[in-house]
PDB file of N, CA and C in Angstrom:
ATOM      1  N   UNK A   1    -195.560 -55.694 -23.700  1.00  0.00           N
ATOM      2  CA  UNK A   1    -196.728 -56.053 -22.922  1.00  0.00           C
ATOM      3  C   UNK A   1    -196.507 -55.581 -21.492  1.00  0.00           C
ATOM      4  N   UNK A   2    -197.503 -54.969 -20.959  1.00  0.00           N
ATOM      5  CA  UNK A   2    -197.405 -54.412 -19.618  1.00  0.00           C
ATOM      6  C   UNK A   2    -198.100 -55.371 -18.634  1.00  0.00           C
ATOM      7  N   UNK A   3    -197.402 -55.666 -17.503  1.00  0.00           N
ATOM      8  CA  UNK A   3    -197.941 -56.578 -16.472  1.00  0.00           C
ATOM      9  C   UNK A   3    -198.635 -55.714 -15.425  1.00  0.00           C
ATOM     10  N   UNK A   4    -199.836 -56.108 -15.115  1.00  0.00           N
ATOM     11  CA  UNK A   4    -200.577 -55.381 -14.081  1.00  0.00           C
ATOM     12  C   UNK A   4    -200.183 -55.914 -12.712  1.00  0.00           C
ATOM     13  N   UNK A   5    -199.864 -55.049 -11.784  1.00  0.00           N
ATOM     14  CA  UNK A   5    -199.421 -55.450 -10.451  1.00  0.00           C
ATOM     15  C   UNK A   5    -200.592 -55.871  -9.559  1.00  0.00           C
ATOM     16  N   UNK A   6    -201.778 -55.482  -9.874  1.00  0.00           N
ATOM     17  CA  UNK A   6    -202.928 -55.791  -9.030  1.00  0.00           C
ATOM     18  C   UNK A   6    -203.236 -57.276  -8.974  1.00  0.00           C
ATOM     19  N   UNK A   7    -202.873 -58.021 -10.014  1.00  0.00           N
ATOM     20  CA  UNK A   7    -203.147 -59.450 -10.052  1.00  0.00           C
ATOM     21  C   UNK A   7    -202.261 -60.258  -9.095  1.00  0.00           C
ATOM     22  N   UNK A   8    -201.099 -59.749  -8.750  1.00  0.00           N
ATOM     23  CA  UNK A   8    -200.153 -60.487  -7.917  1.00  0.00           C
ATOM     24  C   UNK A   8    -200.272 -60.171  -6.438  1.00  0.00           C
ATOM     25  N   UNK A   9    -201.067 -59.263  -6.037  1.00  0.00           N
ATOM     26  CA  UNK A   9    -201.193 -58.891  -4.627  1.00  0.00           C
ATOM     27  C   UNK A   9    -200.044 -58.009  -4.194  1.00  0.00           C
ATOM     28  N   UNK A  10    -200.135 -57.512  -2.970  1.00  0.00           N
ATOM     29  CA  UNK A  10    -199.069 -56.637  -2.486  1.00  0.00           C
ATOM     30  C   UNK A  10    -198.012 -57.460  -1.758  1.00  0.00           C
ATOM     31  N   UNK A  11    -196.947 -56.786  -1.382  1.00  0.00           N
ATOM     32  CA  UNK A  11    -195.807 -57.468  -0.748  1.00  0.00           C
ATOM     33  C   UNK A  11    -196.197 -58.093   0.580  1.00  0.00           C
ATOM     34  N   UNK A  12    -197.069 -57.486   1.314  1.00  0.00           N
ATOM     35  CA  UNK A  12    -197.479 -58.015   2.619  1.00  0.00           C
ATOM     36  C   UNK A  12    -198.213 -59.339   2.473  1.00  0.00           C
ATOM     37  N   UNK A  13    -199.114 -59.416   1.499  1.00  0.00           N
ATOM     38  CA  UNK A  13    -199.840 -60.672   1.265  1.00  0.00           C
ATOM     39  C   UNK A  13    -198.896 -61.780   0.839  1.00  0.00           C
ATOM     40  N   UNK A  14    -197.925 -61.454  -0.019  1.00  0.00           N
ATOM     41  CA  UNK A  14    -196.962 -62.468  -0.466  1.00  0.00           C
ATOM     42  C   UNK A  14    -196.088 -62.922   0.694  1.00  0.00           C
ATOM     43  N   UNK A  15    -195.753 -62.004   1.585  1.00  0.00           N
ATOM     44  CA  UNK A  15    -194.959 -62.359   2.756  1.00  0.00           C
ATOM     45  C   UNK A  15    -195.704 -63.306   3.697  1.00  0.00           C
ATOM     46  N   UNK A  16    -197.007 -63.064   3.860  1.00  0.00           N
ATOM     47  CA  UNK A  16    -197.825 -63.928   4.711  1.00  0.00           C
ATOM     48  C   UNK A  16    -197.915 -65.320   4.100  1.00  0.00           C
ATOM     49  N   UNK A  17    -198.131 -65.391   2.819  1.00  0.00           N
ATOM     50  CA  UNK A  17    -198.204 -66.684   2.136  1.00  0.00           C
ATOM     51  C   UNK A  17    -196.891 -67.428   2.246  1.00  0.00           C
ATOM     52  N   UNK A  18    -195.790 -66.736   2.052  1.00  0.00           N
ATOM     53  CA  UNK A  18    -194.472 -67.350   2.155  1.00  0.00           C
ATOM     54  C   UNK A  18    -194.226 -67.871   3.564  1.00  0.00           C
ATOM     55  N   UNK A  19    -194.635 -67.100   4.564  1.00  0.00           N
ATOM     56  CA  UNK A  19    -194.464 -67.526   5.953  1.00  0.00           C
ATOM     57  C   UNK A  19    -195.294 -68.771   6.256  1.00  0.00           C
ATOM     58  N   UNK A  20    -196.524 -68.784   5.794  1.00  0.00           N
ATOM     59  CA  UNK A  20    -197.395 -69.938   6.029  1.00  0.00           C
ATOM     60  C   UNK A  20    -196.817 -71.175   5.343  1.00  0.00           C
ATOM     61  N   UNK A  21    -196.356 -71.014   4.116  1.00  0.00           N
ATOM     62  CA  UNK A  21    -195.758 -72.145   3.406  1.00  0.00           C
ATOM     63  C   UNK A  21    -194.505 -72.647   4.125  1.00  0.00           C
ATOM     64  N   UNK A  22    -193.682 -71.741   4.613  1.00  0.00           N
ATOM     65  CA  UNK A  22    -192.460 -72.120   5.336  1.00  0.00           C
ATOM     66  C   UNK A  22    -192.808 -72.886   6.608  1.00  0.00           C
ATOM     67  N   UNK A  23    -193.785 -72.426   7.339  1.00  0.00           N
ATOM     68  CA  UNK A  23    -194.185 -73.108   8.588  1.00  0.00           C
ATOM     69  C   UNK A  23    -194.774 -74.477   8.261  1.00  0.00           C
ATOM     70  N   UNK A  24    -195.537 -74.582   7.183  1.00  0.00           N
ATOM     71  CA  UNK A  24    -196.111 -75.878   6.772  1.00  0.00           C
ATOM     72  C   UNK A  24    -194.996 -76.865   6.406  1.00  0.00           C
ATOM     73  N   UNK A  25    -194.027 -76.424   5.625  1.00  0.00           N
ATOM     74  CA  UNK A  25    -192.908 -77.292   5.268  1.00  0.00           C
ATOM     75  C   UNK A  25    -192.106 -77.693   6.497  1.00  0.00           C
ATOM     76  N   UNK A  26    -191.911 -76.779   7.414  1.00  0.00           N
ATOM     77  CA  UNK A  26    -191.195 -77.073   8.652  1.00  0.00           C
ATOM     78  C   UNK A  26    -191.944 -78.129   9.466  1.00  0.00           C
ATOM     79  N   UNK A  27    -193.250 -78.011   9.524  1.00  0.00           N
ATOM     80  CA  UNK A  27    -194.062 -78.993  10.258  1.00  0.00           C
ATOM     81  C   UNK A  27    -193.975 -80.369   9.607  1.00  0.00           C
ATOM     82  N   UNK A  28    -194.005 -80.420   8.283  1.00  0.00           N
ATOM     83  CA  UNK A  28    -193.882 -81.704   7.580  1.00  0.00           C
ATOM     84  C   UNK A  28    -192.522 -82.317   7.863  1.00  0.00           C
ATOM     85  N   UNK A  29    -191.468 -81.517   7.832  1.00  0.00           N
ATOM     86  CA  UNK A  29    -190.127 -82.026   8.114  1.00  0.00           C
ATOM     87  C   UNK A  29    -190.049 -82.549   9.546  1.00  0.00           C
ATOM     88  N   UNK A  30    -190.650 -81.864  10.472  1.00  0.00           N
ATOM     89  CA  UNK A  30    -190.645 -82.309  11.869  1.00  0.00           C
ATOM     90  C   UNK A  30    -191.374 -83.649  12.020  1.00  0.00           C
ATOM     91  N   UNK A  31    -192.491 -83.794  11.334  1.00  0.00           N
ATOM     92  CA  UNK A  31    -193.216 -85.069  11.365  1.00  0.00           C
ATOM     93  C   UNK A  31    -192.361 -86.193  10.806  1.00  0.00           C
ATOM     94  N   UNK A  32    -191.680 -85.944   9.698  1.00  0.00           N
ATOM     95  CA  UNK A  32    -190.820 -86.960   9.090  1.00  0.00           C
ATOM     96  C   UNK A  32    -189.663 -87.335   9.995  1.00  0.00           C
ATOM     97  N   UNK A  33    -189.043 -86.357  10.628  1.00  0.00           N
ATOM     98  CA  UNK A  33    -187.921 -86.645  11.539  1.00  0.00           C
ATOM     99  C   UNK A  33    -188.406 -87.462  12.722  1.00  0.00           C
ATOM    100  N   UNK A  34    -189.570 -87.124  13.252  1.00  0.00           N
ATOM    101  CA  UNK A  34    -190.119 -87.895  14.380  1.00  0.00           C
ATOM    102  C   UNK A  34    -190.416 -89.327  13.977  1.00  0.00           C
ATOM    103  N   UNK A  35    -191.004 -89.515  12.816  1.00  0.00           N
ATOM    104  CA  UNK A  35    -191.309 -90.857  12.326  1.00  0.00           C
ATOM    105  C   UNK A  35    -190.046 -91.681  12.116  1.00  0.00           C
ATOM    106  N   UNK A  36    -189.021 -91.067  11.538  1.00  0.00           N
ATOM    107  CA  UNK A  36    -187.746 -91.761  11.329  1.00  0.00           C
ATOM    108  C   UNK A  36    -187.100 -92.122  12.656  1.00  0.00           C
ATOM    109  N   UNK A  37    -187.182 -91.231  13.621  1.00  0.00           N
ATOM    110  CA  UNK A  37    -186.606 -91.494  14.937  1.00  0.00           C
ATOM    111  C   UNK A  37    -187.281 -92.679  15.606  1.00  0.00           C
ATOM    112  N   UNK A  38    -188.594 -92.709  15.532  1.00  0.00           N
ATOM    113  CA  UNK A  38    -189.342 -93.831  16.116  1.00  0.00           C
ATOM    114  C   UNK A  38    -188.984 -95.148  15.414  1.00  0.00           C
ATOM    115  N   UNK A  39    -188.896 -95.110  14.100  1.00  0.00           N
ATOM    116  CA  UNK A  39    -188.547 -96.313  13.342  1.00  0.00           C
ATOM    117  C   UNK A  39    -187.155 -96.807  13.735  1.00  0.00           C
ATOM    118  N   UNK A  40    -186.218 -95.915  13.855  1.00  0.00           N
ATOM    119  CA  UNK A  40    -184.861 -96.315  14.271  1.00  0.00           C
ATOM    120  C   UNK A  40    -184.847 -96.899  15.652  1.00  0.00           C
ATOM    121  N   UNK A  41    -185.640 -96.338  16.566  1.00  0.00           N
ATOM    122  CA  UNK A  41    -185.720 -96.856  17.929  1.00  0.00           C
ATOM    123  C   UNK A  41    -186.249 -98.285  17.915  1.00  0.00           C
ATOM    124  N   UNK A  42    -187.328 -98.527  17.155  1.00  0.00           N
ATOM    125  CA  UNK A  42    -187.903 -99.871  17.081  1.00  0.00           C
ATOM    126  C   UNK A  42    -186.937-100.859  16.416  1.00  0.00           C
ATOM    127  N   UNK A  43    -186.223-100.409  15.396  1.00  0.00           N
ATOM    128  CA  UNK A  43    -185.236-101.288  14.757  1.00  0.00           C
ATOM    129  C   UNK A  43    -184.120-101.641  15.726  1.00  0.00           C
ATOM    130  N   UNK A  44    -183.690-100.667  16.507  1.00  0.00           N
ATOM    131  CA  UNK A  44    -182.634-100.930  17.492  1.00  0.00           C
ATOM    132  C   UNK A  44    -183.087-101.977  18.504  1.00  0.00           C
ATOM    133  N   UNK A  45    -184.329-101.849  18.992  1.00  0.00           N
ATOM    134  CA  UNK A  45    -184.856-102.835  19.937  1.00  0.00           C
ATOM    135  C   UNK A  45    -184.939-104.213  19.311  1.00  0.00           C
ATOM    136  N   UNK A  46    -185.364-104.283  18.063  1.00  0.00           N
ATOM    137  CA  UNK A  46    -185.485-105.582  17.402  1.00  0.00           C
ATOM    138  C   UNK A  46    -184.106-106.226  17.203  1.00  0.00           C
ATOM    139  N   UNK A  47    -183.139-105.425  16.841  1.00  0.00           N
ATOM    140  CA  UNK A  47    -181.784-105.959  16.677  1.00  0.00           C
ATOM    141  C   UNK A  47    -181.233-106.491  18.005  1.00  0.00           C
ATOM    142  N   UNK A  48    -181.474-105.772  19.099  1.00  0.00           N
ATOM    143  CA  UNK A  48    -181.048-106.262  20.406  1.00  0.00           C
ATOM    144  C   UNK A  48    -181.711-107.584  20.735  1.00  0.00           C
ATOM    145  N   UNK A  49    -183.004-107.694  20.458  1.00  0.00           N
ATOM    146  CA  UNK A  49    -183.741-108.928  20.721  1.00  0.00           C
ATOM    147  C   UNK A  49    -183.187-110.085  19.898  1.00  0.00           C
ATOM    148  N   UNK A  50    -182.938-109.828  18.604  1.00  0.00           N
ATOM    149  CA  UNK A  50    -182.394-110.882  17.744  1.00  0.00           C
ATOM    150  C   UNK A  50    -181.001-111.295  18.201  1.00  0.00           C
ATOM    151  N   UNK A  51    -180.213-110.348  18.638  1.00  0.00           N
ATOM    152  CA  UNK A  51    -178.866-110.659  19.123  1.00  0.00           C
ATOM    153  C   UNK A  51    -178.937-111.526  20.376  1.00  0.00           C
ATOM    154  N   UNK A  52    -179.862-111.227  21.282  1.00  0.00           N
ATOM    155  CA  UNK A  52    -180.036-112.047  22.477  1.00  0.00           C
ATOM    156  C   UNK A  52    -180.451-113.464  22.106  1.00  0.00           C
ATOM    157  N   UNK A  53    -181.346-113.593  21.137  1.00  0.00           N
ATOM    158  CA  UNK A  53    -181.755-114.921  20.690  1.00  0.00           C
ATOM    159  C   UNK A  53    -180.595-115.692  20.086  1.00  0.00           C
ATOM    160  N   UNK A  54    -179.775-115.035  19.303  1.00  0.00           N
ATOM    161  CA  UNK A  54    -178.617-115.695  18.698  1.00  0.00           C
ATOM    162  C   UNK A  54    -177.621-116.125  19.766  1.00  0.00           C
ATOM    163  N   UNK A  55    -177.375-115.283  20.744  1.00  0.00           N
ATOM    164  CA  UNK A  55    -176.427-115.650  21.822  1.00  0.00           C
ATOM    165  C   UNK A  55    -176.964-116.857  22.584  1.00  0.00           C
ATOM    166  N   UNK A  56    -178.250-116.876  22.892  1.00  0.00           N
ATOM    167  CA  UNK A  56    -178.855-118.026  23.560  1.00  0.00           C
ATOM    168  C   UNK A  56    -178.698-119.279  22.721  1.00  0.00           C
ATOM    169  N   UNK A  57    -178.978-119.166  21.442  1.00  0.00           N
ATOM    170  CA  UNK A  57    -178.930-120.328  20.555  1.00  0.00           C
ATOM    171  C   UNK A  57    -177.502-120.866  20.431  1.00  0.00           C
ATOM    172  N   UNK A  58    -176.537-119.961  20.333  1.00  0.00           N
ATOM    173  CA  UNK A  58    -175.151-120.397  20.143  1.00  0.00           C
ATOM    174  C   UNK A  58    -174.536-120.893  21.449  1.00  0.00           C
ATOM    175  N   UNK A  59    -175.018-120.458  22.589  1.00  0.00           N
ATOM    176  CA  UNK A  59    -174.477-120.911  23.872  1.00  0.00           C
ATOM    177  C   UNK A  59    -175.158-122.151  24.406  1.00  0.00           C
ATOM    178  N   UNK A  60    -176.231-122.585  23.801  1.00  0.00           N
ATOM    179  CA  UNK A  60    -176.946-123.755  24.299  1.00  0.00           C
ATOM    180  C   UNK A  60    -176.205-125.025  23.891  1.00  0.00           C
ATOM    181  N   UNK A  61    -176.511-126.110  24.590  1.00  0.00           N
ATOM    182  CA  UNK A  61    -175.885-127.396  24.299  1.00  0.00           C
ATOM    183  C   UNK A  61    -176.593-128.007  23.085  1.00  0.00           C
ATOM    184  N   UNK A  62    -175.839-128.423  22.093  1.00  0.00           N
ATOM    185  CA  UNK A  62    -176.475-129.047  20.925  1.00  0.00           C
ATOM    186  C   UNK A  62    -177.158-130.358  21.309  1.00  0.00           C
ATOM    187  N   UNK A  63    -178.171-130.728  20.575  1.00  0.00           N
ATOM    188  CA  UNK A  63    -178.946-131.919  20.924  1.00  0.00           C
ATOM    189  C   UNK A  63    -178.196-133.216  20.594  1.00  0.00           C
ATOM    190  N   UNK A  64    -177.263-133.178  19.684  1.00  0.00           N
ATOM    191  CA  UNK A  64    -176.533-134.377  19.281  1.00  0.00           C
ATOM    192  C   UNK A  64    -175.200-134.522  19.998  1.00  0.00           C
ATOM    193  N   UNK A  65    -175.012-133.771  21.046  1.00  0.00           N
ATOM    194  CA  UNK A  65    -173.725-133.839  21.737  1.00  0.00           C
ATOM    195  C   UNK A  65    -173.669-135.027  22.681  1.00  0.00           C
ATOM    196  N   UNK A  66    -172.467-135.456  22.977  1.00  0.00           N
ATOM    197  CA  UNK A  66    -172.250-136.565  23.881  1.00  0.00           C
ATOM    198  C   UNK A  66    -171.915-135.982  25.242  1.00  0.00           C
ATOM    199  N   UNK A  67    -172.635-136.398  26.247  1.00  0.00           N
ATOM    200  CA  UNK A  67    -172.327-135.889  27.586  1.00  0.00           C
ATOM    201  C   UNK A  67    -171.275-136.786  28.220  1.00  0.00           C
ATOM    202  N   UNK A  68    -170.310-136.178  28.857  1.00  0.00           N
ATOM    203  CA  UNK A  68    -169.208-136.905  29.483  1.00  0.00           C
ATOM    204  C   UNK A  68    -169.457-136.917  30.982  1.00  0.00           C
ATOM    205  N   UNK A  69    -169.391-138.121  31.554  1.00  0.00           N
ATOM    206  CA  UNK A  69    -169.601-138.285  32.988  1.00  0.00           C
ATOM    207  C   UNK A  69    -168.285-138.721  33.600  1.00  0.00           C
ATOM    208  N   UNK A  70    -167.834-137.997  34.593  1.00  0.00           N
ATOM    209  CA  UNK A  70    -166.607-138.339  35.280  1.00  0.00           C
ATOM    210  C   UNK A  70    -166.948-139.085  36.590  1.00  0.00           C
ATOM    211  N   UNK A  71    -166.402-140.304  36.689  1.00  0.00           N
ATOM    212  CA  UNK A  71    -166.587-141.079  37.915  1.00  0.00           C
ATOM    213  C   UNK A  71    -165.294-140.992  38.697  1.00  0.00           C
ATOM    214  N   UNK A  72    -165.407-140.573  39.899  1.00  0.00           N
ATOM    215  CA  UNK A  72    -164.225-140.511  40.751  1.00  0.00           C
ATOM    216  C   UNK A  72    -164.070-141.823  41.509  1.00  0.00           C
ATOM    217  N   UNK A  73    -162.886-142.388  41.485  1.00  0.00           N
ATOM    218  CA  UNK A  73    -162.660-143.649  42.202  1.00  0.00           C
ATOM    219  C   UNK A  73    -162.093-143.335  43.575  1.00  0.00           C
ATOM    220  N   UNK A  74    -162.562-144.067  44.552  1.00  0.00           N
ATOM    221  CA  UNK A  74    -162.110-143.829  45.929  1.00  0.00           C
ATOM    222  C   UNK A  74    -161.078-144.825  46.341  1.00  0.00           C
TER     223      UNK A  74
END
């Protein structure tokens, strides 16, 4: 069976299609990298905020603690 070359287009047309597809895939990858970077930035900020809340909570005086009062005698 003989394959006709006219159905597949010439090399220049295939090169243009390949270039357009490559640029499209590159653009999609760039969008994904940007989205991941933003998500990581927001996660980092949230972790810092949660850490600050935990430090505040752990450094605060518990409500059931007994306060000690020192009286100095003269």
